[in-house]
Each structure stands twice: as structure tokens, then as C-alpha cells.
Amino acid sequence: MSLREELEQFNSGFIAQVAEDVVSTMNSAVQTLASSGLVDLALKEGQHAPDFDLPEIGGERIRLSELLNAGPVVITFYRGGWCPYCNLEMQALQSALPEIEAAGACLIAIAPELPKFASQTRDKGNLTFPLLSDSNNETARRYGLVFTLPESLRPIYDGFGIDLPASHGNSDFELPMPATYIVASDGTVAHAFVDVDYTKRMEPSEIINILKTL
């Protein structure tokens, strides 16, 4: 089953279990974000990927420019381990990791959650690629991905048991749009996938196919 099919299957089950007004509010928030034009401001194919130096779970710092010395880098921005759609994406990327590495690339994932929560995300999914903590969404902001969660969604998230202030260590309620960037070894973005709809993610098979052309 493709990642797209897994995401669609999960989303159908989710919608069937949630109150109609909640689904409507969530869908409305996605449409509002889509009409905001934020996607147009995000980093695009052909542009140079901003360098960053972020901490991994164990405290080791990882710099994009150093990774690029060894070859292309696949960067995925996810919302956090509390997001089931992100977890499905992480699992699919883990399964594709051997082929990504065979294509000469490395994979890293970035989220605004604190290292202790990123550790839980890693352990829950048995992930072996680096999960980097982007404090206050500073790197995601440089990639043009950050938005503020609408007030209308905050009680809904609370009802789901999602505590963003605890996860992020702040009270700004900012999140990155899910995005995947394939960065060539010269730092140029070879491919950019950004979608305001958090139920949509880049297919790992497409990542692998693009890496093979670099």
C-alpha cells in the first residue's frame, strides 16, 4: 500500500469517528490556510536551501552544509509525534530508508517538538534516521513554512489530548506546513513538496526516483 493510500484510509476512519462540526472546523482551517498564499512564500525548487544547525535527540548537532558534503539530503518537516499523519509518513520513510541511502542520500526529519518528545516519536516508530528539534520553528520559518494554529482549532486539539505548548516549550501555537525537500549536494533544492493539507505527504517512491536522477 502506498503512503497516499495509507493516509487516505486513516483519514476516512478518522472522519467517521469525529463529530461533523469538528471535521467542518478542521476543513475550514485548511481552506483558510490555502487561501492565505503561504505556500507561495515557501522555499521552492531551484532555490538555495538555507543552512541550519539543529540538535538531534542525543544532543549532537547536525548542520545541513556538512551533510551535503557527502551527497544529497532529504529533509522532511513534520508537525510532531502527536500527529498520526506524521507518524504514517515517518514509518513510510523508515521503510524507504535503505533505498534512499542506496541512492547516495541521507534523510533527516525536523519538527518543533522538544528533544524529549522527539525521542518518543523515534522510539514509537523505531526510527533510525535523525529527528531534529527546531526550537520556535526557527528553521521552518526560514523555509517559509510556519503558520499559527487558529483559535478555532485549539479546543479541538485539547480535546484530542494534544498539548502544543508542552510539546514545543512555548505558547505561540505555531506549526510548520508538512514539507519535503530534496536538496542536491550543491545546496540547490532539486524538488520541493509543500501542502497546506496535513493529510497529504510526498510519496517515498517519488523521493527515490528523483534521487536517482541527481
N, C-alpha and C. Protein backbone atom coordinates (compact mmCIF):
# COMPACT_ATOMS: atom_id res chain seq x y z
N MET A 1 0.85 -1.20 0.00
CA MET A 1 0.00 0.00 0.00
C MET A 1 0.88 1.25 0.00
N SER A 2 0.56 2.19 -0.85
CA SER A 2 1.34 3.43 -0.91
C SER A 2 1.05 4.29 0.31
N LEU A 3 1.92 5.27 0.56
CA LEU A 3 1.69 6.19 1.67
C LEU A 3 0.38 6.95 1.45
N ARG A 4 0.15 7.38 0.23
CA ARG A 4 -1.10 8.10 -0.06
C ARG A 4 -2.32 7.26 0.32
N GLU A 5 -2.29 5.99 -0.02
CA GLU A 5 -3.42 5.12 0.31
C GLU A 5 -3.56 4.93 1.81
N GLU A 6 -2.44 4.81 2.51
CA GLU A 6 -2.49 4.68 3.96
C GLU A 6 -3.08 5.93 4.61
N LEU A 7 -2.65 7.09 4.13
CA LEU A 7 -3.15 8.35 4.67
C LEU A 7 -4.64 8.51 4.41
N GLU A 8 -5.06 8.17 3.21
CA GLU A 8 -6.48 8.29 2.87
C GLU A 8 -7.32 7.32 3.68
N GLN A 9 -6.81 6.12 3.88
CA GLN A 9 -7.54 5.12 4.66
C GLN A 9 -7.68 5.58 6.11
N PHE A 10 -6.60 6.08 6.68
CA PHE A 10 -6.67 6.57 8.06
C PHE A 10 -7.63 7.75 8.16
N ASN A 11 -7.53 8.67 7.22
CA ASN A 11 -8.36 9.86 7.28
C ASN A 11 -9.85 9.52 7.18
N SER A 12 -10.18 8.55 6.35
CA SER A 12 -11.57 8.13 6.22
C SER A 12 -12.08 7.58 7.55
N GLY A 13 -11.25 6.78 8.23
CA GLY A 13 -11.64 6.24 9.53
C GLY A 13 -11.77 7.32 10.58
N PHE A 14 -10.86 8.29 10.51
CA PHE A 14 -10.89 9.41 11.47
C PHE A 14 -12.18 10.22 11.31
N ILE A 15 -12.49 10.56 10.08
CA ILE A 15 -13.69 11.36 9.81
C ILE A 15 -14.95 10.65 10.28
N ALA A 16 -14.96 9.32 10.12
CA ALA A 16 -16.14 8.55 10.50
C ALA A 16 -16.37 8.55 12.01
N GLN A 17 -15.31 8.83 12.78
CA GLN A 17 -15.41 8.75 14.24
C GLN A 17 -15.55 10.11 14.92
N VAL A 18 -15.36 11.19 14.17
CA VAL A 18 -15.35 12.53 14.75
C VAL A 18 -16.63 13.27 14.40
N ALA A 19 -17.06 14.12 15.32
CA ALA A 19 -18.29 14.89 15.11
C ALA A 19 -18.19 15.74 13.86
N GLU A 20 -19.31 15.90 13.19
CA GLU A 20 -19.34 16.61 11.92
C GLU A 20 -18.88 18.06 12.05
N ASP A 21 -19.24 18.72 13.15
CA ASP A 21 -18.83 20.11 13.32
C ASP A 21 -17.32 20.25 13.52
N VAL A 22 -16.72 19.23 14.14
CA VAL A 22 -15.26 19.23 14.32
C VAL A 22 -14.58 19.09 12.97
N VAL A 23 -15.05 18.14 12.16
CA VAL A 23 -14.48 17.94 10.83
C VAL A 23 -14.63 19.21 10.00
N SER A 24 -15.80 19.85 10.10
CA SER A 24 -16.03 21.07 9.34
C SER A 24 -15.07 22.18 9.76
N THR A 25 -14.84 22.32 11.06
CA THR A 25 -13.92 23.35 11.56
C THR A 25 -12.50 23.08 11.09
N MET A 26 -12.10 21.83 11.13
CA MET A 26 -10.75 21.47 10.69
C MET A 26 -10.57 21.71 9.19
N ASN A 27 -11.58 21.33 8.42
CA ASN A 27 -11.50 21.54 6.96
C ASN A 27 -11.49 23.03 6.63
N SER A 28 -12.26 23.80 7.38
CA SER A 28 -12.31 25.24 7.15
C SER A 28 -10.95 25.88 7.41
N ALA A 29 -10.25 25.39 8.45
CA ALA A 29 -8.92 25.92 8.77
C ALA A 29 -7.93 25.64 7.65
N VAL A 30 -8.05 24.46 7.06
CA VAL A 30 -7.16 24.11 5.93
C VAL A 30 -7.43 25.03 4.75
N GLN A 31 -8.70 25.27 4.46
CA GLN A 31 -9.06 26.14 3.34
C GLN A 31 -8.59 27.58 3.57
N THR A 32 -8.70 28.03 4.81
CA THR A 32 -8.24 29.39 5.13
C THR A 32 -6.74 29.50 4.92
N LEU A 33 -6.00 28.48 5.35
CA LEU A 33 -4.56 28.48 5.16
C LEU A 33 -4.21 28.43 3.68
N ALA A 34 -4.97 27.67 2.91
CA ALA A 34 -4.73 27.57 1.47
C ALA A 34 -4.93 28.93 0.80
N SER A 35 -5.95 29.66 1.23
CA SER A 35 -6.24 30.96 0.61
C SER A 35 -5.31 32.06 1.10
N SER A 36 -4.51 31.77 2.13
CA SER A 36 -3.60 32.79 2.68
C SER A 36 -2.41 33.06 1.77
N GLY A 37 -2.12 32.12 0.88
CA GLY A 37 -0.97 32.28 -0.01
C GLY A 37 0.36 31.89 0.61
N LEU A 38 0.32 31.27 1.78
CA LEU A 38 1.56 30.91 2.46
C LEU A 38 2.41 29.95 1.63
N VAL A 39 1.78 29.03 0.93
CA VAL A 39 2.53 28.06 0.12
C VAL A 39 3.40 28.79 -0.91
N ASP A 40 2.89 29.89 -1.44
CA ASP A 40 3.65 30.64 -2.45
C ASP A 40 4.92 31.25 -1.89
N LEU A 41 4.98 31.41 -0.56
CA LEU A 41 6.14 32.01 0.07
C LEU A 41 7.19 30.97 0.50
N ALA A 42 6.81 29.70 0.43
CA ALA A 42 7.70 28.63 0.88
C ALA A 42 8.87 28.45 -0.10
N LEU A 43 9.96 27.91 0.42
CA LEU A 43 11.14 27.62 -0.40
C LEU A 43 10.74 26.75 -1.58
N LYS A 44 11.30 27.06 -2.75
CA LYS A 44 10.89 26.38 -3.98
C LYS A 44 12.06 25.69 -4.67
N GLU A 45 11.70 24.82 -5.60
CA GLU A 45 12.69 24.14 -6.43
C GLU A 45 13.56 25.18 -7.15
N GLY A 46 14.86 24.93 -7.17
CA GLY A 46 15.80 25.84 -7.83
C GLY A 46 16.42 26.85 -6.90
N GLN A 47 15.81 27.06 -5.72
CA GLN A 47 16.37 27.99 -4.76
C GLN A 47 17.41 27.29 -3.90
N HIS A 48 18.21 28.09 -3.19
CA HIS A 48 19.24 27.52 -2.33
C HIS A 48 18.64 27.24 -0.96
N ALA A 49 18.85 26.04 -0.45
CA ALA A 49 18.30 25.66 0.86
C ALA A 49 19.07 26.37 1.97
N PRO A 50 18.39 27.12 2.83
CA PRO A 50 19.08 27.77 3.96
C PRO A 50 19.78 26.73 4.84
N ASP A 51 21.00 27.06 5.22
CA ASP A 51 21.74 26.16 6.11
C ASP A 51 21.12 26.21 7.50
N PHE A 52 21.33 25.16 8.26
CA PHE A 52 20.87 25.15 9.65
C PHE A 52 21.76 24.24 10.47
N ASP A 53 21.70 24.45 11.76
CA ASP A 53 22.48 23.67 12.73
C ASP A 53 21.53 23.37 13.88
N LEU A 54 20.98 22.14 13.89
CA LEU A 54 19.93 21.79 14.85
C LEU A 54 20.33 20.58 15.70
N PRO A 55 19.82 20.49 16.92
CA PRO A 55 20.15 19.35 17.78
C PRO A 55 19.34 18.11 17.46
N GLU A 56 20.03 17.00 17.48
CA GLU A 56 19.38 15.69 17.36
C GLU A 56 18.98 15.25 18.76
N ILE A 57 18.27 14.14 18.85
CA ILE A 57 17.74 13.70 20.13
C ILE A 57 18.81 13.57 21.20
N GLY A 58 19.96 13.00 20.84
CA GLY A 58 21.01 12.77 21.82
C GLY A 58 21.83 14.00 22.14
N GLY A 59 21.52 15.13 21.51
CA GLY A 59 22.24 16.36 21.77
C GLY A 59 23.24 16.71 20.69
N GLU A 60 23.61 15.74 19.86
CA GLU A 60 24.53 16.02 18.75
C GLU A 60 23.88 17.03 17.81
N ARG A 61 24.67 17.98 17.35
CA ARG A 61 24.14 18.98 16.43
C ARG A 61 24.44 18.57 15.00
N ILE A 62 23.48 18.78 14.13
CA ILE A 62 23.61 18.40 12.73
C ILE A 62 23.47 19.64 11.86
N ARG A 63 24.45 19.85 10.99
CA ARG A 63 24.45 21.01 10.10
C ARG A 63 24.21 20.54 8.66
N LEU A 64 23.28 21.18 8.00
CA LEU A 64 22.93 20.79 6.64
C LEU A 64 24.14 20.84 5.72
N SER A 65 24.91 21.91 5.77
CA SER A 65 26.05 22.06 4.85
C SER A 65 27.06 20.93 5.01
N GLU A 66 27.22 20.41 6.21
CA GLU A 66 28.14 19.29 6.42
C GLU A 66 27.58 18.00 5.83
N LEU A 67 26.28 17.80 5.95
CA LEU A 67 25.67 16.61 5.36
C LEU A 67 25.80 16.64 3.84
N LEU A 68 25.67 17.83 3.26
CA LEU A 68 25.72 17.96 1.81
C LEU A 68 27.11 17.63 1.25
N ASN A 69 28.12 17.68 2.09
CA ASN A 69 29.47 17.30 1.64
C ASN A 69 29.52 15.84 1.23
N ALA A 70 28.59 15.04 1.75
CA ALA A 70 28.58 13.60 1.45
C ALA A 70 27.56 13.23 0.38
N GLY A 71 26.72 14.19 -0.04
CA GLY A 71 25.73 13.89 -1.06
C GLY A 71 24.40 14.58 -0.80
N PRO A 72 23.38 14.26 -1.58
CA PRO A 72 22.07 14.89 -1.43
C PRO A 72 21.45 14.61 -0.06
N VAL A 73 20.56 15.51 0.35
CA VAL A 73 19.88 15.37 1.62
C VAL A 73 18.37 15.49 1.41
N VAL A 74 17.64 14.56 2.00
CA VAL A 74 16.18 14.64 2.01
C VAL A 74 15.76 15.20 3.36
N ILE A 75 15.06 16.33 3.33
CA ILE A 75 14.60 16.98 4.56
C ILE A 75 13.08 16.93 4.60
N THR A 76 12.54 16.38 5.65
CA THR A 76 11.09 16.42 5.80
C THR A 76 10.74 17.17 7.07
N PHE A 77 9.84 18.12 6.94
CA PHE A 77 9.33 18.87 8.08
C PHE A 77 7.99 18.23 8.49
N TYR A 78 7.92 17.80 9.74
CA TYR A 78 6.67 17.21 10.22
C TYR A 78 6.17 17.99 11.43
N ARG A 79 4.90 17.80 11.77
CA ARG A 79 4.28 18.62 12.81
C ARG A 79 4.65 18.16 14.22
N GLY A 80 4.77 16.86 14.41
CA GLY A 80 5.12 16.32 15.72
C GLY A 80 4.63 14.89 15.86
N GLY A 81 5.15 14.21 16.88
CA GLY A 81 4.77 12.82 17.10
C GLY A 81 3.32 12.64 17.51
N TRP A 82 2.65 13.73 17.89
CA TRP A 82 1.23 13.68 18.25
C TRP A 82 0.34 13.56 17.02
N CYS A 83 0.90 13.81 15.84
CA CYS A 83 0.14 13.82 14.59
C CYS A 83 0.17 12.44 13.94
N PRO A 84 -0.97 11.75 13.83
CA PRO A 84 -0.98 10.40 13.25
C PRO A 84 -0.57 10.38 11.78
N TYR A 85 -0.84 11.45 11.07
CA TYR A 85 -0.45 11.52 9.66
C TYR A 85 1.08 11.60 9.55
N CYS A 86 1.68 12.35 10.47
CA CYS A 86 3.15 12.43 10.50
C CYS A 86 3.75 11.06 10.82
N ASN A 87 3.14 10.35 11.75
CA ASN A 87 3.67 9.04 12.12
C ASN A 87 3.59 8.05 10.97
N LEU A 88 2.52 8.12 10.18
CA LEU A 88 2.43 7.26 9.00
C LEU A 88 3.52 7.62 8.00
N GLU A 89 3.77 8.92 7.85
CA GLU A 89 4.84 9.36 6.96
C GLU A 89 6.20 8.87 7.45
N MET A 90 6.45 8.99 8.76
CA MET A 90 7.73 8.55 9.31
C MET A 90 7.95 7.06 9.09
N GLN A 91 6.89 6.27 9.24
CA GLN A 91 7.00 4.83 9.03
C GLN A 91 7.32 4.53 7.57
N ALA A 92 6.67 5.24 6.66
CA ALA A 92 6.91 5.02 5.23
C ALA A 92 8.34 5.41 4.86
N LEU A 93 8.83 6.50 5.44
CA LEU A 93 10.20 6.92 5.17
C LEU A 93 11.21 5.94 5.75
N GLN A 94 10.90 5.40 6.93
CA GLN A 94 11.78 4.39 7.51
C GLN A 94 11.89 3.17 6.61
N SER A 95 10.77 2.75 6.05
CA SER A 95 10.77 1.60 5.14
C SER A 95 11.58 1.90 3.87
N ALA A 96 11.55 3.16 3.45
CA ALA A 96 12.26 3.55 2.22
C ALA A 96 13.71 3.93 2.47
N LEU A 97 14.12 3.99 3.73
CA LEU A 97 15.46 4.47 4.07
C LEU A 97 16.58 3.71 3.36
N PRO A 98 16.55 2.37 3.29
CA PRO A 98 17.63 1.68 2.59
C PRO A 98 17.79 2.12 1.13
N GLU A 99 16.68 2.37 0.45
CA GLU A 99 16.76 2.81 -0.94
C GLU A 99 17.21 4.26 -1.04
N ILE A 100 16.81 5.08 -0.08
CA ILE A 100 17.27 6.48 -0.06
C ILE A 100 18.78 6.52 0.11
N GLU A 101 19.28 5.70 1.03
CA GLU A 101 20.73 5.67 1.28
C GLU A 101 21.47 5.03 0.12
N ALA A 102 20.85 4.04 -0.52
CA ALA A 102 21.48 3.40 -1.68
C ALA A 102 21.62 4.38 -2.84
N ALA A 103 20.75 5.39 -2.86
CA ALA A 103 20.83 6.42 -3.90
C ALA A 103 21.85 7.49 -3.54
N GLY A 104 22.57 7.30 -2.44
CA GLY A 104 23.63 8.21 -2.04
C GLY A 104 23.19 9.39 -1.20
N ALA A 105 21.96 9.34 -0.69
CA ALA A 105 21.43 10.46 0.08
C ALA A 105 21.26 10.11 1.55
N CYS A 106 21.06 11.12 2.36
CA CYS A 106 20.69 10.89 3.75
C CYS A 106 19.34 11.55 4.01
N LEU A 107 18.67 11.10 5.05
CA LEU A 107 17.33 11.57 5.39
C LEU A 107 17.34 12.15 6.79
N ILE A 108 16.73 13.32 6.95
CA ILE A 108 16.55 13.91 8.27
C ILE A 108 15.12 14.44 8.36
N ALA A 109 14.58 14.45 9.57
CA ALA A 109 13.23 14.97 9.81
C ALA A 109 13.31 16.06 10.86
N ILE A 110 12.53 17.12 10.66
CA ILE A 110 12.57 18.30 11.54
C ILE A 110 11.17 18.63 12.04
N ALA A 111 11.06 18.87 13.35
CA ALA A 111 9.78 19.27 13.95
C ALA A 111 10.06 20.23 15.10
N PRO A 112 9.05 21.02 15.50
CA PRO A 112 9.26 21.96 16.60
C PRO A 112 9.16 21.33 17.98
N GLU A 113 8.93 20.03 18.06
CA GLU A 113 8.79 19.40 19.37
C GLU A 113 10.14 19.32 20.08
N LEU A 114 10.12 19.41 21.40
CA LEU A 114 11.32 19.33 22.21
C LEU A 114 11.98 17.96 22.06
N PRO A 115 13.30 17.86 22.31
CA PRO A 115 14.00 16.60 22.14
C PRO A 115 13.36 15.41 22.87
N LYS A 116 12.82 15.63 24.09
CA LYS A 116 12.24 14.51 24.82
C LYS A 116 11.01 13.95 24.11
N PHE A 117 10.29 14.82 23.40
CA PHE A 117 9.13 14.35 22.65
C PHE A 117 9.57 13.73 21.32
N ALA A 118 10.61 14.29 20.72
CA ALA A 118 11.16 13.70 19.50
C ALA A 118 11.68 12.29 19.80
N SER A 119 12.23 12.11 21.00
CA SER A 119 12.70 10.79 21.42
C SER A 119 11.55 9.79 21.46
N GLN A 120 10.41 10.25 21.96
CA GLN A 120 9.23 9.38 22.00
C GLN A 120 8.77 9.04 20.59
N THR A 121 8.83 10.02 19.69
CA THR A 121 8.47 9.79 18.29
C THR A 121 9.37 8.73 17.68
N ARG A 122 10.66 8.86 17.94
CA ARG A 122 11.63 7.88 17.42
C ARG A 122 11.36 6.48 17.96
N ASP A 123 11.18 6.39 19.27
CA ASP A 123 11.00 5.08 19.89
C ASP A 123 9.69 4.43 19.45
N LYS A 124 8.65 5.23 19.34
CA LYS A 124 7.34 4.72 18.94
C LYS A 124 7.39 4.11 17.54
N GLY A 125 8.17 4.75 16.65
CA GLY A 125 8.23 4.27 15.28
C GLY A 125 9.46 3.47 14.95
N ASN A 126 10.33 3.21 15.96
CA ASN A 126 11.60 2.51 15.71
C ASN A 126 12.36 3.16 14.56
N LEU A 127 12.45 4.47 14.61
CA LEU A 127 13.08 5.23 13.54
C LEU A 127 14.59 5.27 13.72
N THR A 128 15.31 5.17 12.62
CA THR A 128 16.77 5.16 12.70
C THR A 128 17.41 6.36 12.02
N PHE A 129 16.61 7.23 11.43
CA PHE A 129 17.16 8.46 10.83
C PHE A 129 17.03 9.59 11.85
N PRO A 130 17.85 10.64 11.73
CA PRO A 130 17.86 11.72 12.72
C PRO A 130 16.55 12.51 12.76
N LEU A 131 16.08 12.77 13.97
CA LEU A 131 14.96 13.66 14.21
C LEU A 131 15.52 14.90 14.89
N LEU A 132 15.37 16.04 14.26
CA LEU A 132 15.96 17.28 14.76
C LEU A 132 14.90 18.18 15.37
N SER A 133 15.26 18.82 16.48
CA SER A 133 14.34 19.72 17.18
C SER A 133 14.55 21.15 16.72
N ASP A 134 13.51 21.72 16.16
CA ASP A 134 13.56 23.08 15.62
C ASP A 134 12.88 24.03 16.60
N SER A 135 13.63 24.48 17.59
CA SER A 135 13.09 25.33 18.64
C SER A 135 12.45 26.59 18.05
N ASN A 136 11.20 26.84 18.45
CA ASN A 136 10.45 28.01 17.99
C ASN A 136 10.29 28.08 16.48
N ASN A 137 10.43 26.94 15.82
CA ASN A 137 10.25 26.86 14.35
C ASN A 137 11.20 27.79 13.60
N GLU A 138 12.36 28.03 14.16
CA GLU A 138 13.27 28.99 13.54
C GLU A 138 13.71 28.57 12.15
N THR A 139 14.02 27.28 11.97
CA THR A 139 14.43 26.80 10.65
C THR A 139 13.24 26.72 9.71
N ALA A 140 12.12 26.20 10.19
CA ALA A 140 10.92 26.13 9.35
C ALA A 140 10.51 27.52 8.88
N ARG A 141 10.71 28.52 9.71
CA ARG A 141 10.38 29.89 9.33
C ARG A 141 11.25 30.36 8.17
N ARG A 142 12.52 29.99 8.20
CA ARG A 142 13.43 30.38 7.11
C ARG A 142 13.08 29.68 5.81
N TYR A 143 12.38 28.54 5.93
CA TYR A 143 11.93 27.81 4.74
C TYR A 143 10.52 28.25 4.32
N GLY A 144 9.96 29.21 5.04
CA GLY A 144 8.66 29.76 4.67
C GLY A 144 7.47 28.87 4.97
N LEU A 145 7.57 28.06 6.03
CA LEU A 145 6.55 27.03 6.28
C LEU A 145 5.65 27.30 7.49
N VAL A 146 5.93 28.33 8.27
CA VAL A 146 5.30 28.47 9.58
C VAL A 146 3.96 29.22 9.52
N PHE A 147 2.99 28.70 10.25
CA PHE A 147 1.71 29.37 10.42
C PHE A 147 1.27 29.21 11.87
N THR A 148 0.32 30.02 12.29
CA THR A 148 -0.21 29.95 13.65
C THR A 148 -1.51 29.17 13.66
N LEU A 149 -1.60 28.19 14.53
CA LEU A 149 -2.82 27.39 14.63
C LEU A 149 -3.99 28.30 15.00
N PRO A 150 -5.09 28.28 14.23
CA PRO A 150 -6.23 29.16 14.51
C PRO A 150 -6.83 28.90 15.89
N GLU A 151 -7.38 29.95 16.46
CA GLU A 151 -8.04 29.83 17.77
C GLU A 151 -9.14 28.77 17.73
N SER A 152 -9.82 28.65 16.60
CA SER A 152 -10.93 27.70 16.48
C SER A 152 -10.51 26.25 16.64
N LEU A 153 -9.22 25.97 16.34
CA LEU A 153 -8.73 24.59 16.42
C LEU A 153 -8.15 24.23 17.78
N ARG A 154 -7.83 25.22 18.58
CA ARG A 154 -7.12 24.93 19.84
C ARG A 154 -7.94 24.09 20.82
N PRO A 155 -9.24 24.38 21.03
CA PRO A 155 -10.01 23.50 21.92
C PRO A 155 -10.20 22.11 21.33
N ILE A 156 -10.21 22.01 20.01
CA ILE A 156 -10.32 20.70 19.36
C ILE A 156 -9.06 19.89 19.62
N TYR A 157 -7.91 20.53 19.48
CA TYR A 157 -6.65 19.85 19.76
C TYR A 157 -6.59 19.44 21.23
N ASP A 158 -7.05 20.34 22.11
CA ASP A 158 -7.09 19.99 23.54
C ASP A 158 -7.94 18.75 23.76
N GLY A 159 -9.07 18.68 23.06
CA GLY A 159 -9.95 17.53 23.20
C GLY A 159 -9.32 16.23 22.72
N PHE A 160 -8.38 16.35 21.78
CA PHE A 160 -7.65 15.18 21.29
C PHE A 160 -6.47 14.83 22.19
N GLY A 161 -6.23 15.65 23.21
CA GLY A 161 -5.10 15.42 24.10
C GLY A 161 -3.79 15.94 23.55
N ILE A 162 -3.86 16.87 22.60
CA ILE A 162 -2.65 17.44 22.01
C ILE A 162 -2.31 18.74 22.73
N ASP A 163 -1.17 18.75 23.39
CA ASP A 163 -0.74 19.91 24.17
C ASP A 163 0.47 20.54 23.48
N LEU A 164 0.21 21.43 22.55
CA LEU A 164 1.30 22.04 21.79
C LEU A 164 2.25 22.86 22.66
N PRO A 165 1.76 23.66 23.63
CA PRO A 165 2.72 24.39 24.47
C PRO A 165 3.70 23.47 25.19
N ALA A 166 3.22 22.33 25.67
CA ALA A 166 4.11 21.37 26.34
C ALA A 166 5.09 20.75 25.35
N SER A 167 4.58 20.40 24.17
CA SER A 167 5.42 19.77 23.15
C SER A 167 6.50 20.71 22.64
N HIS A 168 6.15 22.00 22.51
CA HIS A 168 7.08 22.97 21.92
C HIS A 168 7.90 23.73 22.96
N GLY A 169 7.42 23.75 24.21
CA GLY A 169 8.11 24.52 25.22
C GLY A 169 7.87 26.01 25.08
N ASN A 170 6.76 26.39 24.44
CA ASN A 170 6.38 27.80 24.33
C ASN A 170 4.86 27.87 24.17
N SER A 171 4.34 29.07 24.02
CA SER A 171 2.89 29.23 23.92
C SER A 171 2.47 29.92 22.64
N ASP A 172 3.26 29.77 21.57
CA ASP A 172 2.96 30.51 20.35
C ASP A 172 2.01 29.77 19.39
N PHE A 173 1.80 28.47 19.59
CA PHE A 173 0.89 27.68 18.77
C PHE A 173 1.26 27.72 17.28
N GLU A 174 2.54 27.81 17.00
CA GLU A 174 3.00 27.81 15.61
C GLU A 174 3.36 26.39 15.17
N LEU A 175 3.06 26.09 13.92
CA LEU A 175 3.37 24.79 13.33
C LEU A 175 3.96 24.99 11.93
N PRO A 176 4.74 24.02 11.45
CA PRO A 176 5.18 24.08 10.06
C PRO A 176 4.17 23.36 9.17
N MET A 177 3.97 23.86 7.97
CA MET A 177 3.25 23.05 6.99
C MET A 177 4.11 21.83 6.70
N PRO A 178 3.52 20.64 6.61
CA PRO A 178 4.32 19.47 6.23
C PRO A 178 5.00 19.71 4.88
N ALA A 179 6.27 19.40 4.80
CA ALA A 179 7.02 19.65 3.57
C ALA A 179 8.17 18.67 3.45
N THR A 180 8.53 18.37 2.21
CA THR A 180 9.70 17.54 1.95
C THR A 180 10.54 18.22 0.89
N TYR A 181 11.82 18.37 1.19
CA TYR A 181 12.76 18.97 0.24
C TYR A 181 13.86 17.97 -0.08
N ILE A 182 14.14 17.85 -1.37
CA ILE A 182 15.29 17.07 -1.81
C ILE A 182 16.35 18.09 -2.23
N VAL A 183 17.44 18.11 -1.48
CA VAL A 183 18.48 19.12 -1.69
C VAL A 183 19.70 18.46 -2.32
N ALA A 184 20.09 18.95 -3.50
CA ALA A 184 21.27 18.42 -4.19
C ALA A 184 22.53 18.80 -3.41
N SER A 185 23.63 18.13 -3.72
CA SER A 185 24.85 18.32 -2.95
C SER A 185 25.40 19.75 -3.04
N ASP A 186 24.97 20.52 -4.05
CA ASP A 186 25.43 21.91 -4.14
C ASP A 186 24.53 22.86 -3.35
N GLY A 187 23.54 22.30 -2.64
CA GLY A 187 22.66 23.11 -1.82
C GLY A 187 21.41 23.59 -2.51
N THR A 188 21.26 23.26 -3.79
CA THR A 188 20.08 23.68 -4.54
C THR A 188 18.92 22.72 -4.29
N VAL A 189 17.73 23.25 -4.15
CA VAL A 189 16.54 22.42 -3.97
C VAL A 189 16.19 21.77 -5.31
N ALA A 190 16.35 20.46 -5.37
CA ALA A 190 16.04 19.72 -6.59
C ALA A 190 14.55 19.44 -6.71
N HIS A 191 13.88 19.35 -5.56
CA HIS A 191 12.43 19.13 -5.57
C HIS A 191 11.86 19.63 -4.25
N ALA A 192 10.68 20.25 -4.33
CA ALA A 192 10.01 20.75 -3.14
C ALA A 192 8.56 20.28 -3.12
N PHE A 193 8.16 19.68 -2.02
CA PHE A 193 6.76 19.29 -1.81
C PHE A 193 6.26 20.01 -0.57
N VAL A 194 5.28 20.88 -0.75
CA VAL A 194 4.67 21.62 0.36
C VAL A 194 3.17 21.61 0.15
N ASP A 195 2.42 21.28 1.20
CA ASP A 195 0.96 21.25 1.07
C ASP A 195 0.33 21.75 2.37
N VAL A 196 -0.65 22.65 2.24
CA VAL A 196 -1.34 23.15 3.44
C VAL A 196 -2.18 22.05 4.08
N ASP A 197 -2.54 21.04 3.31
CA ASP A 197 -3.35 19.93 3.82
C ASP A 197 -2.44 18.92 4.51
N TYR A 198 -2.55 18.85 5.84
CA TYR A 198 -1.66 17.98 6.62
C TYR A 198 -1.89 16.49 6.36
N THR A 199 -2.94 16.15 5.63
CA THR A 199 -3.18 14.73 5.31
C THR A 199 -2.45 14.32 4.04
N LYS A 200 -1.75 15.25 3.41
CA LYS A 200 -1.03 14.97 2.16
C LYS A 200 0.48 15.00 2.43
N ARG A 201 1.20 14.00 1.93
CA ARG A 201 2.65 13.93 2.08
C ARG A 201 3.29 13.41 0.79
N MET A 202 4.57 13.67 0.62
CA MET A 202 5.27 13.19 -0.57
C MET A 202 5.47 11.69 -0.49
N GLU A 203 5.25 11.03 -1.60
CA GLU A 203 5.39 9.58 -1.66
C GLU A 203 6.87 9.20 -1.64
N PRO A 204 7.29 8.29 -0.76
CA PRO A 204 8.70 7.89 -0.71
C PRO A 204 9.24 7.37 -2.04
N SER A 205 8.42 6.68 -2.81
CA SER A 205 8.87 6.17 -4.10
C SER A 205 9.25 7.31 -5.04
N GLU A 206 8.53 8.43 -4.92
CA GLU A 206 8.85 9.60 -5.74
C GLU A 206 10.18 10.21 -5.28
N ILE A 207 10.41 10.23 -3.98
CA ILE A 207 11.69 10.72 -3.46
C ILE A 207 12.84 9.92 -4.06
N ILE A 208 12.70 8.61 -4.03
CA ILE A 208 13.75 7.72 -4.53
C ILE A 208 13.99 7.94 -6.02
N ASN A 209 12.92 8.06 -6.78
CA ASN A 209 13.04 8.27 -8.23
C ASN A 209 13.78 9.57 -8.54
N ILE A 210 13.49 10.63 -7.79
CA ILE A 210 14.17 11.91 -8.01
C ILE A 210 15.64 11.80 -7.63
N LEU A 211 15.93 11.13 -6.51
CA LEU A 211 17.33 10.97 -6.09
C LEU A 211 18.15 10.26 -7.16
N LYS A 212 17.54 9.33 -7.84
CA LYS A 212 18.26 8.57 -8.85
C LYS A 212 18.63 9.42 -10.06
N THR A 213 17.99 10.58 -10.20
CA THR A 213 18.30 11.45 -11.34
C THR A 213 19.39 12.47 -11.01
N LEU A 214 19.75 12.57 -9.73
CA LEU A 214 20.74 13.59 -9.33
C LEU A 214 22.16 13.12 -9.59
